[in-house]
C-alpha cells in the first residue's frame, strides 16, 4: 500500500496525544464513498483525510492552514 508522511510545521495536541507526523495512505473507492455521505464539501474532505490518516476529524480541525494544505498536496499526489 502506498503511503506518504506529512510532517506538521505546527504540531497539535488532541485528547492528550501530540501529533507531529501523520501518515496518509492512498485512497480507495470505498474511502470516496464514505466521504460522499458527509453533509457538505468541507465535512466530506475532513472525513476523507481523517480516514486516510486513521485519525479523528478533531485532529484535522486543530491544524493550522499551512499544515492542512499539506494534506491537499499529498492527496493530489496519490491521484496522479
C-alpha atoms as a PDB file:
ATOM      1  CA  UNK A   1       0.000   0.000   0.000  1.00  0.00           C
ATOM      2  CA  UNK A   2       1.305   3.431  -0.929  1.00  0.00           C
ATOM      3  CA  UNK A   3       1.684   5.928   1.896  1.00  0.00           C
ATOM      4  CA  UNK A   4       3.231   9.319   2.467  1.00  0.00           C
ATOM      5  CA  UNK A   5       4.288  11.016   5.673  1.00  0.00           C
ATOM      6  CA  UNK A   6       3.192  14.537   6.476  1.00  0.00           C
ATOM      7  CA  UNK A   7       5.385  16.372   8.959  1.00  0.00           C
ATOM      8  CA  UNK A   8       3.419  19.101  10.667  1.00  0.00           C
ATOM      9  CA  UNK A   9       5.079  22.503  10.875  1.00  0.00           C
ATOM     10  CA  UNK A  10       2.891  23.262  13.877  1.00  0.00           C
ATOM     11  CA  UNK A  11       2.165  20.072  15.864  1.00  0.00           C
ATOM     12  CA  UNK A  12      -1.169  19.808  17.662  1.00  0.00           C
ATOM     13  CA  UNK A  13      -2.321  18.030  20.787  1.00  0.00           C
ATOM     14  CA  UNK A  14      -5.749  16.396  20.891  1.00  0.00           C
ATOM     15  CA  UNK A  15      -7.012  14.279  23.788  1.00  0.00           C
ATOM     16  CA  UNK A  16      -3.553  14.296  25.367  1.00  0.00           C
ATOM     17  CA  UNK A  17      -1.774  12.983  22.264  1.00  0.00           C
ATOM     18  CA  UNK A  18       0.662  15.194  20.359  1.00  0.00           C
ATOM     19  CA  UNK A  19       0.606  14.846  16.571  1.00  0.00           C
ATOM     20  CA  UNK A  20       3.851  15.773  14.817  1.00  0.00           C
ATOM     21  CA  UNK A  21       3.903  13.410  11.834  1.00  0.00           C
ATOM     22  CA  UNK A  22       0.894  11.817  10.170  1.00  0.00           C
ATOM     23  CA  UNK A  23       0.828   9.053   7.599  1.00  0.00           C
ATOM     24  CA  UNK A  24      -1.647   9.228   4.743  1.00  0.00           C
ATOM     25  CA  UNK A  25      -2.386   6.127   2.694  1.00  0.00           C
ATOM     26  CA  UNK A  26      -3.501   6.042  -0.909  1.00  0.00           C
ATOM     27  CA  UNK A  27      -7.261   6.492  -1.278  1.00  0.00           C
ATOM     28  CA  UNK A  28      -9.561   3.684  -2.344  1.00  0.00           C
ATOM     29  CA  UNK A  29     -13.007   3.822  -3.874  1.00  0.00           C
ATOM     30  CA  UNK A  30     -14.588   2.934  -0.532  1.00  0.00           C
ATOM     31  CA  UNK A  31     -12.962   5.997   1.070  1.00  0.00           C
ATOM     32  CA  UNK A  32     -14.594   8.224  -1.534  1.00  0.00           C
ATOM     33  CA  UNK A  33     -17.975   6.556  -0.983  1.00  0.00           C
ATOM     34  CA  UNK A  34     -17.774   7.060   2.776  1.00  0.00           C
ATOM     35  CA  UNK A  35     -16.717  10.690   2.398  1.00  0.00           C
ATOM     36  CA  UNK A  36     -19.527  11.471  -0.042  1.00  0.00           C
ATOM     37  CA  UNK A  37     -22.069  10.661   2.669  1.00  0.00           C
ATOM     38  CA  UNK A  38     -20.999  13.805   4.551  1.00  0.00           C
ATOM     39  CA  UNK A  39     -23.349  16.766   4.841  1.00  0.00           C
ATOM     40  CA  UNK A  40     -21.237  19.275   2.880  1.00  0.00           C
ATOM     41  CA  UNK A  41     -17.990  19.648   0.916  1.00  0.00           C
ATOM     42  CA  UNK A  42     -15.892  20.702   3.920  1.00  0.00           C
ATOM     43  CA  UNK A  43     -17.107  17.808   6.054  1.00  0.00           C
ATOM     44  CA  UNK A  44     -16.561  15.446   3.121  1.00  0.00           C
ATOM     45  CA  UNK A  45     -12.911  16.465   2.858  1.00  0.00           C
ATOM     46  CA  UNK A  46     -12.343  16.154   6.614  1.00  0.00           C
ATOM     47  CA  UNK A  47     -13.916  12.702   6.586  1.00  0.00           C
ATOM     48  CA  UNK A  48     -11.791  11.607   3.641  1.00  0.00           C
ATOM     49  CA  UNK A  49      -8.498  12.886   5.073  1.00  0.00           C
ATOM     50  CA  UNK A  50      -9.224  11.502   8.551  1.00  0.00           C
ATOM     51  CA  UNK A  51      -9.954   8.060   7.077  1.00  0.00           C
ATOM     52  CA  UNK A  52      -6.775   8.114   5.003  1.00  0.00           C
ATOM     53  CA  UNK A  53      -4.687   9.080   8.032  1.00  0.00           C
ATOM     54  CA  UNK A  54      -6.638   6.945  10.534  1.00  0.00           C
ATOM     55  CA  UNK A  55      -7.188   9.873  12.900  1.00  0.00           C
ATOM     56  CA  UNK A  56     -10.269  11.673  14.142  1.00  0.00           C
ATOM     57  CA  UNK A  57     -11.548  14.753  12.382  1.00  0.00           C
ATOM     58  CA  UNK A  58     -10.843  16.623  15.632  1.00  0.00           C
ATOM     59  CA  UNK A  59      -7.118  16.406  14.880  1.00  0.00           C
ATOM     60  CA  UNK A  60      -7.560  17.939  11.439  1.00  0.00           C
ATOM     61  CA  UNK A  61      -9.781  20.683  12.830  1.00  0.00           C
ATOM     62  CA  UNK A  62      -6.953  21.795  15.135  1.00  0.00           C
ATOM     63  CA  UNK A  63      -4.370  22.145  12.351  1.00  0.00           C
ATOM     64  CA  UNK A  64      -3.135  25.477  11.108  1.00  0.00           C
ATOM     65  CA  UNK A  65      -3.990  26.081   7.462  1.00  0.00           C
ATOM     66  CA  UNK A  66      -0.323  25.791   6.427  1.00  0.00           C
ATOM     67  CA  UNK A  67      -0.309  22.220   7.701  1.00  0.00           C
ATOM     68  CA  UNK A  68      -3.784  21.389   6.388  1.00  0.00           C
ATOM     69  CA  UNK A  69      -2.688  22.409   2.892  1.00  0.00           C
ATOM     70  CA  UNK A  70      -0.085  19.631   3.017  1.00  0.00           C
ATOM     71  CA  UNK A  71      -2.959  17.127   3.058  1.00  0.00           C
ATOM     72  CA  UNK A  72      -4.316  18.558  -0.180  1.00  0.00           C
ATOM     73  CA  UNK A  73      -0.911  18.194  -1.822  1.00  0.00           C
ATOM     74  CA  UNK A  74      -0.430  14.644  -0.578  1.00  0.00           C
ATOM     75  CA  UNK A  75      -3.921  13.648  -1.720  1.00  0.00           C
ATOM     76  CA  UNK A  76      -3.377  15.130  -5.180  1.00  0.00           C
ATOM     77  CA  UNK A  77      -0.051  13.280  -5.480  1.00  0.00           C
ATOM     78  CA  UNK A  78      -1.904   9.997  -4.953  1.00  0.00           C
ATOM     79  CA  UNK A  79      -4.317  10.832  -7.757  1.00  0.00           C
ATOM     80  CA  UNK A  80      -1.616  11.371 -10.369  1.00  0.00           C
END
